[in-house]
Amino acid sequence: MPQLDGIKDLIPFLNFLDKRKIFYWLSHDRPESIMVEITRVGKRIEVDFFDDHIEYSVFEGNEDVLDDQEKLSGMIRNFGVDEAGKLED
């Protein structure tokens, strides 16, 4: 894998993933970075490319299929924000 020192290394990193047939998504959720999200069964990796560095987070867990719609509804409601832009409780 190429050394990742910042946004200038985004294209080489994407080419690295492409050569290995690793599917990814790009997003621009933060004003100062571009995120590459890689998902596999039981793991998600988010790599943020900034001007002069990268940061990444790894999320691991099971892939259980759930059917509790009340729990789902509660989780989605907790993702919302109120009119003032604050997270709802």
PDB file of N, CA and C in Angstrom:
ATOM      1  N   MET A   1       0.856  -1.179   0.000  1.00  0.00           N
ATOM      2  CA  MET A   1       0.000   0.000   0.000  1.00  0.00           C
ATOM      3  C   MET A   1       0.898   1.237   0.000  1.00  0.00           C
ATOM      4  N   PRO A   2       0.503   2.263  -0.753  1.00  0.00           N
ATOM      5  CA  PRO A   2       1.325   3.478  -0.787  1.00  0.00           C
ATOM      6  C   PRO A   2       1.292   4.205   0.558  1.00  0.00           C
ATOM      7  N   GLN A   3       2.367   4.941   0.856  1.00  0.00           N
ATOM      8  CA  GLN A   3       2.399   5.808   2.037  1.00  0.00           C
ATOM      9  C   GLN A   3       1.340   6.891   1.845  1.00  0.00           C
ATOM     10  N   LEU A   4       0.546   7.153   2.878  1.00  0.00           N
ATOM     11  CA  LEU A   4      -0.545   8.121   2.773  1.00  0.00           C
ATOM     12  C   LEU A   4      -0.222   9.345   3.621  1.00  0.00           C
ATOM     13  N   ASP A   5       0.089  10.453   2.948  1.00  0.00           N
ATOM     14  CA  ASP A   5       0.464  11.680   3.646  1.00  0.00           C
ATOM     15  C   ASP A   5      -0.579  12.779   3.529  1.00  0.00           C
ATOM     16  N   GLY A   6      -1.696  12.501   2.871  1.00  0.00           N
ATOM     17  CA  GLY A   6      -2.721  13.526   2.744  1.00  0.00           C
ATOM     18  C   GLY A   6      -3.484  13.395   1.441  1.00  0.00           C
ATOM     19  N   ILE A   7      -4.209  14.443   1.102  1.00  0.00           N
ATOM     20  CA  ILE A   7      -5.132  14.429  -0.031  1.00  0.00           C
ATOM     21  C   ILE A   7      -4.433  14.106  -1.354  1.00  0.00           C
ATOM     22  N   LYS A   8      -3.159  14.451  -1.470  1.00  0.00           N
ATOM     23  CA  LYS A   8      -2.437  14.168  -2.716  1.00  0.00           C
ATOM     24  C   LYS A   8      -2.300  12.668  -2.959  1.00  0.00           C
ATOM     25  N   ASP A   9      -2.496  11.863  -1.920  1.00  0.00           N
ATOM     26  CA  ASP A   9      -2.375  10.418  -2.041  1.00  0.00           C
ATOM     27  C   ASP A   9      -3.723   9.717  -2.213  1.00  0.00           C
ATOM     28  N   LEU A  10      -4.797  10.490  -2.368  1.00  0.00           N
ATOM     29  CA  LEU A  10      -6.121   9.888  -2.506  1.00  0.00           C
ATOM     30  C   LEU A  10      -6.219   9.023  -3.768  1.00  0.00           C
ATOM     31  N   ILE A  11      -5.822   9.543  -4.911  1.00  0.00           N
ATOM     32  CA  ILE A  11      -5.926   8.787  -6.168  1.00  0.00           C
ATOM     33  C   ILE A  11      -5.057   7.525  -6.126  1.00  0.00           C
ATOM     34  N   PRO A  12      -3.798   7.594  -5.703  1.00  0.00           N
ATOM     35  CA  PRO A  12      -3.025   6.348  -5.596  1.00  0.00           C
ATOM     36  C   PRO A  12      -3.673   5.324  -4.657  1.00  0.00           C
ATOM     37  N   PHE A  13      -4.290   5.788  -3.576  1.00  0.00           N
ATOM     38  CA  PHE A  13      -4.970   4.883  -2.652  1.00  0.00           C
ATOM     39  C   PHE A  13      -6.173   4.233  -3.329  1.00  0.00           C
ATOM     40  N   LEU A  14      -6.964   5.015  -4.064  1.00  0.00           N
ATOM     41  CA  LEU A  14      -8.114   4.457  -4.777  1.00  0.00           C
ATOM     42  C   LEU A  14      -7.659   3.457  -5.841  1.00  0.00           C
ATOM     43  N   ASN A  15      -6.565   3.758  -6.525  1.00  0.00           N
ATOM     44  CA  ASN A  15      -6.020   2.818  -7.509  1.00  0.00           C
ATOM     45  C   ASN A  15      -5.582   1.518  -6.835  1.00  0.00           C
ATOM     46  N   PHE A  16      -4.991   1.626  -5.648  1.00  0.00           N
ATOM     47  CA  PHE A  16      -4.589   0.456  -4.861  1.00  0.00           C
ATOM     48  C   PHE A  16      -5.810  -0.408  -4.557  1.00  0.00           C
ATOM     49  N   LEU A  17      -6.908   0.223  -4.114  1.00  0.00           N
ATOM     50  CA  LEU A  17      -8.135  -0.513  -3.815  1.00  0.00           C
ATOM     51  C   LEU A  17      -8.713  -1.139  -5.086  1.00  0.00           C
ATOM     52  N   ASP A  18      -8.730  -0.365  -6.168  1.00  0.00           N
ATOM     53  CA  ASP A  18      -9.275  -0.864  -7.441  1.00  0.00           C
ATOM     54  C   ASP A  18      -8.530  -2.108  -7.924  1.00  0.00           C
ATOM     55  N   LYS A  19      -7.210  -2.089  -7.850  1.00  0.00           N
ATOM     56  CA  LYS A  19      -6.412  -3.228  -8.303  1.00  0.00           C
ATOM     57  C   LYS A  19      -6.743  -4.492  -7.514  1.00  0.00           C
ATOM     58  N   ARG A  20      -7.149  -4.321  -6.263  1.00  0.00           N
ATOM     59  CA  ARG A  20      -7.491  -5.458  -5.412  1.00  0.00           C
ATOM     60  C   ARG A  20      -8.986  -5.754  -5.412  1.00  0.00           C
ATOM     61  N   LYS A  21      -9.720  -5.051  -6.289  1.00  0.00           N
ATOM     62  CA  LYS A  21     -11.173  -5.210  -6.415  1.00  0.00           C
ATOM     63  C   LYS A  21     -11.885  -5.014  -5.072  1.00  0.00           C
ATOM     64  N   ILE A  22     -11.410  -3.999  -4.341  1.00  0.00           N
ATOM     65  CA  ILE A  22     -12.027  -3.630  -3.059  1.00  0.00           C
ATOM     66  C   ILE A  22     -12.984  -2.479  -3.338  1.00  0.00           C
ATOM     67  N   PHE A  23     -14.273  -2.717  -3.095  1.00  0.00           N
ATOM     68  CA  PHE A  23     -15.295  -1.704  -3.337  1.00  0.00           C
ATOM     69  C   PHE A  23     -15.256  -0.664  -2.226  1.00  0.00           C
ATOM     70  N   TYR A  24     -15.526   0.594  -2.566  1.00  0.00           N
ATOM     71  CA  TYR A  24     -15.482   1.688  -1.590  1.00  0.00           C
ATOM     72  C   TYR A  24     -16.483   2.766  -1.986  1.00  0.00           C
ATOM     73  N   TRP A  25     -16.756   3.630  -1.032  1.00  0.00           N
ATOM     74  CA  TRP A  25     -17.593   4.818  -1.255  1.00  0.00           C
ATOM     75  C   TRP A  25     -16.769   6.032  -0.884  1.00  0.00           C
ATOM     76  N   LEU A  26     -17.014   7.120  -1.581  1.00  0.00           N
ATOM     77  CA  LEU A  26     -16.408   8.408  -1.242  1.00  0.00           C
ATOM     78  C   LEU A  26     -17.487   9.315  -0.692  1.00  0.00           C
ATOM     79  N   SER A  27     -17.121  10.068   0.329  1.00  0.00           N
ATOM     80  CA  SER A  27     -18.070  11.059   0.853  1.00  0.00           C
ATOM     81  C   SER A  27     -17.309  12.285   1.324  1.00  0.00           C
ATOM     82  N   HIS A  28     -18.061  13.362   1.445  1.00  0.00           N
ATOM     83  CA  HIS A  28     -17.494  14.645   1.880  1.00  0.00           C
ATOM     84  C   HIS A  28     -18.351  15.153   3.033  1.00  0.00           C
ATOM     85  N   ASP A  29     -18.215  14.490   4.177  1.00  0.00           N
ATOM     86  CA  ASP A  29     -19.039  14.804   5.344  1.00  0.00           C
ATOM     87  C   ASP A  29     -18.443  15.909   6.213  1.00  0.00           C
ATOM     88  N   ARG A  30     -17.151  16.100   6.123  1.00  0.00           N
ATOM     89  CA  ARG A  30     -16.460  17.131   6.903  1.00  0.00           C
ATOM     90  C   ARG A  30     -15.884  18.146   5.922  1.00  0.00           C
ATOM     91  N   PRO A  31     -15.926  19.420   6.240  1.00  0.00           N
ATOM     92  CA  PRO A  31     -15.492  20.423   5.256  1.00  0.00           C
ATOM     93  C   PRO A  31     -14.010  20.348   4.907  1.00  0.00           C
ATOM     94  N   GLU A  32     -13.207  19.705   5.751  1.00  0.00           N
ATOM     95  CA  GLU A  32     -11.763  19.704   5.540  1.00  0.00           C
ATOM     96  C   GLU A  32     -11.198  18.366   5.047  1.00  0.00           C
ATOM     97  N   SER A  33     -12.078  17.409   4.725  1.00  0.00           N
ATOM     98  CA  SER A  33     -11.551  16.111   4.296  1.00  0.00           C
ATOM     99  C   SER A  33     -12.501  15.401   3.335  1.00  0.00           C
ATOM    100  N   ILE A  34     -11.953  14.388   2.667  1.00  0.00           N
ATOM    101  CA  ILE A  34     -12.724  13.458   1.846  1.00  0.00           C
ATOM    102  C   ILE A  34     -12.557  12.090   2.481  1.00  0.00           C
ATOM    103  N   MET A  35     -13.677  11.370   2.656  1.00  0.00           N
ATOM    104  CA  MET A  35     -13.628  10.073   3.320  1.00  0.00           C
ATOM    105  C   MET A  35     -13.810   8.940   2.313  1.00  0.00           C
ATOM    106  N   VAL A  36     -12.992   7.910   2.500  1.00  0.00           N
ATOM    107  CA  VAL A  36     -13.134   6.657   1.764  1.00  0.00           C
ATOM    108  C   VAL A  36     -13.663   5.640   2.757  1.00  0.00           C
ATOM    109  N   GLU A  37     -14.801   5.037   2.446  1.00  0.00           N
ATOM    110  CA  GLU A  37     -15.404   4.036   3.336  1.00  0.00           C
ATOM    111  C   GLU A  37     -15.319   2.667   2.667  1.00  0.00           C
ATOM    112  N   ILE A  38     -14.733   1.724   3.398  1.00  0.00           N
ATOM    113  CA  ILE A  38     -14.574   0.352   2.929  1.00  0.00           C
ATOM    114  C   ILE A  38     -15.360  -0.535   3.882  1.00  0.00           C
ATOM    115  N   THR A  39     -16.240  -1.381   3.343  1.00  0.00           N
ATOM    116  CA  THR A  39     -17.069  -2.240   4.186  1.00  0.00           C
ATOM    117  C   THR A  39     -16.892  -3.688   3.779  1.00  0.00           C
ATOM    118  N   ARG A  40     -16.676  -4.516   4.763  1.00  0.00           N
ATOM    119  CA  ARG A  40     -16.637  -5.967   4.620  1.00  0.00           C
ATOM    120  C   ARG A  40     -17.523  -6.557   5.698  1.00  0.00           C
ATOM    121  N   VAL A  41     -17.857  -7.809   5.598  1.00  0.00           N
ATOM    122  CA  VAL A  41     -18.677  -8.454   6.622  1.00  0.00           C
ATOM    123  C   VAL A  41     -17.978  -8.313   7.968  1.00  0.00           C
ATOM    124  N   GLY A  42     -18.676  -7.691   8.914  1.00  0.00           N
ATOM    125  CA  GLY A  42     -18.156  -7.545  10.264  1.00  0.00           C
ATOM    126  C   GLY A  42     -17.178  -6.417  10.479  1.00  0.00           C
ATOM    127  N   LYS A  43     -16.862  -5.640   9.436  1.00  0.00           N
ATOM    128  CA  LYS A  43     -15.885  -4.559   9.599  1.00  0.00           C
ATOM    129  C   LYS A  43     -16.152  -3.432   8.621  1.00  0.00           C
ATOM    130  N   ARG A  44     -15.995  -2.209   9.103  1.00  0.00           N
ATOM    131  CA  ARG A  44     -16.065  -1.020   8.253  1.00  0.00           C
ATOM    132  C   ARG A  44     -14.857  -0.156   8.587  1.00  0.00           C
ATOM    133  N   ILE A  45     -14.183   0.343   7.570  1.00  0.00           N
ATOM    134  CA  ILE A  45     -13.031   1.221   7.753  1.00  0.00           C
ATOM    135  C   ILE A  45     -13.345   2.542   7.069  1.00  0.00           C
ATOM    136  N   GLU A  46     -13.150   3.625   7.789  1.00  0.00           N
ATOM    137  CA  GLU A  46     -13.323   4.970   7.238  1.00  0.00           C
ATOM    138  C   GLU A  46     -11.959   5.656   7.257  1.00  0.00           C
ATOM    139  N   VAL A  47     -11.495   6.086   6.083  1.00  0.00           N
ATOM    140  CA  VAL A  47     -10.205   6.763   5.961  1.00  0.00           C
ATOM    141  C   VAL A  47     -10.475   8.187   5.504  1.00  0.00           C
ATOM    142  N   ASP A  48     -10.116   9.162   6.342  1.00  0.00           N
ATOM    143  CA  ASP A  48     -10.291  10.575   6.013  1.00  0.00           C
ATOM    144  C   ASP A  48      -8.979  11.142   5.495  1.00  0.00           C
ATOM    145  N   PHE A  49      -9.036  11.749   4.301  1.00  0.00           N
ATOM    146  CA  PHE A  49      -7.871  12.377   3.689  1.00  0.00           C
ATOM    147  C   PHE A  49      -7.965  13.883   3.901  1.00  0.00           C
ATOM    148  N   PHE A  50      -7.006  14.445   4.623  1.00  0.00           N
ATOM    149  CA  PHE A  50      -6.893  15.882   4.868  1.00  0.00           C
ATOM    150  C   PHE A  50      -5.784  16.430   3.970  1.00  0.00           C
ATOM    151  N   ASP A  51      -5.562  17.745   4.017  1.00  0.00           N
ATOM    152  CA  ASP A  51      -4.499  18.351   3.211  1.00  0.00           C
ATOM    153  C   ASP A  51      -3.147  17.690   3.451  1.00  0.00           C
ATOM    154  N   ASP A  52      -2.804  17.458   4.722  1.00  0.00           N
ATOM    155  CA  ASP A  52      -1.439  17.032   5.044  1.00  0.00           C
ATOM    156  C   ASP A  52      -1.336  15.753   5.876  1.00  0.00           C
ATOM    157  N   HIS A  53      -2.443  15.023   6.048  1.00  0.00           N
ATOM    158  CA  HIS A  53      -2.407  13.772   6.804  1.00  0.00           C
ATOM    159  C   HIS A  53      -3.681  12.977   6.548  1.00  0.00           C
ATOM    160  N   ILE A  54      -3.691  11.760   7.060  1.00  0.00           N
ATOM    161  CA  ILE A  54      -4.904  10.948   7.011  1.00  0.00           C
ATOM    162  C   ILE A  54      -5.246  10.519   8.436  1.00  0.00           C
ATOM    163  N   GLU A  55      -6.499  10.197   8.643  1.00  0.00           N
ATOM    164  CA  GLU A  55      -6.975   9.603   9.893  1.00  0.00           C
ATOM    165  C   GLU A  55      -7.914   8.477   9.497  1.00  0.00           C
ATOM    166  N   TYR A  56      -7.975   7.438  10.325  1.00  0.00           N
ATOM    167  CA  TYR A  56      -8.921   6.367  10.009  1.00  0.00           C
ATOM    168  C   TYR A  56      -9.558   5.819  11.266  1.00  0.00           C
ATOM    169  N   SER A  57     -10.734   5.246  11.088  1.00  0.00           N
ATOM    170  CA  SER A  57     -11.487   4.593  12.158  1.00  0.00           C
ATOM    171  C   SER A  57     -11.885   3.213  11.671  1.00  0.00           C
ATOM    172  N   VAL A  58     -11.897   2.261  12.601  1.00  0.00           N
ATOM    173  CA  VAL A  58     -12.297   0.893  12.291  1.00  0.00           C
ATOM    174  C   VAL A  58     -13.483   0.548  13.177  1.00  0.00           C
ATOM    175  N   PHE A  59     -14.532   0.030  12.570  1.00  0.00           N
ATOM    176  CA  PHE A  59     -15.734  -0.376  13.285  1.00  0.00           C
ATOM    177  C   PHE A  59     -15.917  -1.866  13.061  1.00  0.00           C
ATOM    178  N   GLU A  60     -15.939  -2.629  14.141  1.00  0.00           N
ATOM    179  CA  GLU A  60     -16.087  -4.073  14.034  1.00  0.00           C
ATOM    180  C   GLU A  60     -17.304  -4.518  14.820  1.00  0.00           C
ATOM    181  N   GLY A  61     -17.943  -5.545  14.350  1.00  0.00           N
ATOM    182  CA  GLY A  61     -19.111  -6.062  15.045  1.00  0.00           C
ATOM    183  C   GLY A  61     -19.715  -7.203  14.264  1.00  0.00           C
ATOM    184  N   ASN A  62     -20.804  -7.693  14.787  1.00  0.00           N
ATOM    185  CA  ASN A  62     -21.443  -8.808  14.077  1.00  0.00           C
ATOM    186  C   ASN A  62     -22.383  -8.266  13.011  1.00  0.00           C
ATOM    187  N   GLU A  63     -22.877  -9.147  12.219  1.00  0.00           N
ATOM    188  CA  GLU A  63     -23.771  -8.782  11.123  1.00  0.00           C
ATOM    189  C   GLU A  63     -25.142  -9.427  11.344  1.00  0.00           C
ATOM    190  N   ASP A  64     -25.564  -9.501  12.605  1.00  0.00           N
ATOM    191  CA  ASP A  64     -26.857 -10.110  12.910  1.00  0.00           C
ATOM    192  C   ASP A  64     -27.981  -9.400  12.168  1.00  0.00           C
ATOM    193  N   VAL A  65     -28.948 -10.175  11.727  1.00  0.00           N
ATOM    194  CA  VAL A  65     -30.157  -9.627  11.121  1.00  0.00           C
ATOM    195  C   VAL A  65     -31.185  -9.490  12.241  1.00  0.00           C
ATOM    196  N   LEU A  66     -31.706  -8.293  12.405  1.00  0.00           N
ATOM    197  CA  LEU A  66     -32.637  -8.007  13.491  1.00  0.00           C
ATOM    198  C   LEU A  66     -34.016  -7.688  12.933  1.00  0.00           C
ATOM    199  N   ASP A  67     -35.051  -7.845  13.776  1.00  0.00           N
ATOM    200  CA  ASP A  67     -36.401  -7.523  13.308  1.00  0.00           C
ATOM    201  C   ASP A  67     -37.194  -6.679  14.300  1.00  0.00           C
ATOM    202  N   ASP A  68     -36.529  -6.146  15.330  1.00  0.00           N
ATOM    203  CA  ASP A  68     -37.194  -5.317  16.332  1.00  0.00           C
ATOM    204  C   ASP A  68     -37.382  -3.906  15.761  1.00  0.00           C
ATOM    205  N   GLN A  69     -38.570  -3.638  15.188  1.00  0.00           N
ATOM    206  CA  GLN A  69     -38.800  -2.365  14.516  1.00  0.00           C
ATOM    207  C   GLN A  69     -38.851  -1.194  15.492  1.00  0.00           C
ATOM    208  N   GLU A  70     -39.273  -1.435  16.715  1.00  0.00           N
ATOM    209  CA  GLU A  70     -39.286  -0.360  17.713  1.00  0.00           C
ATOM    210  C   GLU A  70     -37.860   0.091  18.020  1.00  0.00           C
ATOM    211  N   LYS A  71     -36.953  -0.846  18.156  1.00  0.00           N
ATOM    212  CA  LYS A  71     -35.547  -0.504  18.397  1.00  0.00           C
ATOM    213  C   LYS A  71     -34.972   0.244  17.197  1.00  0.00           C
ATOM    214  N   LEU A  72     -35.282  -0.221  15.985  1.00  0.00           N
ATOM    215  CA  LEU A  72     -34.828   0.451  14.773  1.00  0.00           C
ATOM    216  C   LEU A  72     -35.336   1.889  14.730  1.00  0.00           C
ATOM    217  N   SER A  73     -36.617   2.072  15.012  1.00  0.00           N
ATOM    218  CA  SER A  73     -37.216   3.395  15.001  1.00  0.00           C
ATOM    219  C   SER A  73     -36.524   4.318  16.006  1.00  0.00           C
ATOM    220  N   GLY A  74     -36.237   3.803  17.190  1.00  0.00           N
ATOM    221  CA  GLY A  74     -35.554   4.596  18.211  1.00  0.00           C
ATOM    222  C   GLY A  74     -34.157   5.005  17.776  1.00  0.00           C
ATOM    223  N   MET A  75     -33.419   4.086  17.157  1.00  0.00           N
ATOM    224  CA  MET A  75     -32.065   4.414  16.690  1.00  0.00           C
ATOM    225  C   MET A  75     -32.107   5.491  15.614  1.00  0.00           C
ATOM    226  N   ILE A  76     -33.056   5.371  14.686  1.00  0.00           N
ATOM    227  CA  ILE A  76     -33.154   6.353  13.612  1.00  0.00           C
ATOM    228  C   ILE A  76     -33.564   7.717  14.163  1.00  0.00           C
ATOM    229  N   ARG A  77     -34.518   7.722  15.110  1.00  0.00           N
ATOM    230  CA  ARG A  77     -34.908   8.996  15.730  1.00  0.00           C
ATOM    231  C   ARG A  77     -33.708   9.656  16.392  1.00  0.00           C
ATOM    232  N   ASN A  78     -32.840   8.870  17.001  1.00  0.00           N
ATOM    233  CA  ASN A  78     -31.666   9.420  17.684  1.00  0.00           C
ATOM    234  C   ASN A  78     -30.631   9.985  16.717  1.00  0.00           C
ATOM    235  N   PHE A  79     -30.745   9.657  15.424  1.00  0.00           N
ATOM    236  CA  PHE A  79     -29.854  10.226  14.427  1.00  0.00           C
ATOM    237  C   PHE A  79     -30.289  11.623  14.023  1.00  0.00           C
ATOM    238  N   GLY A  80     -31.500  11.999  14.345  1.00  0.00           N
ATOM    239  CA  GLY A  80     -32.060  13.270  13.889  1.00  0.00           C
ATOM    240  C   GLY A  80     -31.493  14.468  14.624  1.00  0.00           C
ATOM    241  N   VAL A  81     -31.754  15.624  14.074  1.00  0.00           N
ATOM    242  CA  VAL A  81     -31.385  16.887  14.720  1.00  0.00           C
ATOM    243  C   VAL A  81     -32.618  17.748  14.827  1.00  0.00           C
ATOM    244  N   ASP A  82     -32.635  18.608  15.846  1.00  0.00           N
ATOM    245  CA  ASP A  82     -33.779  19.500  15.994  1.00  0.00           C
ATOM    246  C   ASP A  82     -33.581  20.727  15.101  1.00  0.00           C
ATOM    247  N   GLU A  83     -34.511  21.674  15.180  1.00  0.00           N
ATOM    248  CA  GLU A  83     -34.457  22.854  14.311  1.00  0.00           C
ATOM    249  C   GLU A  83     -33.240  23.717  14.591  1.00  0.00           C
ATOM    250  N   ALA A  84     -32.689  23.639  15.804  1.00  0.00           N
ATOM    251  CA  ALA A  84     -31.508  24.425  16.159  1.00  0.00           C
ATOM    252  C   ALA A  84     -30.221  23.720  15.708  1.00  0.00           C
ATOM    253  N   GLY A  85     -30.350  22.539  15.114  1.00  0.00           N
ATOM    254  CA  GLY A  85     -29.178  21.813  14.647  1.00  0.00           C
ATOM    255  C   GLY A  85     -28.536  20.950  15.708  1.00  0.00           C
ATOM    256  N   LYS A  86     -29.212  20.769  16.832  1.00  0.00           N
ATOM    257  CA  LYS A  86     -28.678  19.920  17.901  1.00  0.00           C
ATOM    258  C   LYS A  86     -29.281  18.528  17.784  1.00  0.00           C
ATOM    259  N   LEU A  87     -28.496  17.524  18.185  1.00  0.00           N
ATOM    260  CA  LEU A  87     -29.003  16.165  18.153  1.00  0.00           C
ATOM    261  C   LEU A  87     -30.187  16.016  19.078  1.00  0.00           C
ATOM    262  N   GLU A  88     -31.217  15.326  18.587  1.00  0.00           N
ATOM    263  CA  GLU A  88     -32.380  15.054  19.409  1.00  0.00           C
ATOM    264  C   GLU A  88     -32.080  13.904  20.360  1.00  0.00           C
ATOM    265  N   ASP A  89     -32.703  13.934  21.505  1.00  0.00           N
ATOM    266  CA  ASP A  89     -32.548  12.833  22.465  1.00  0.00           C
ATOM    267  C   ASP A  89     -33.617  11.807  22.276  1.00  0.00           C
TER     268      ASP A  89
END
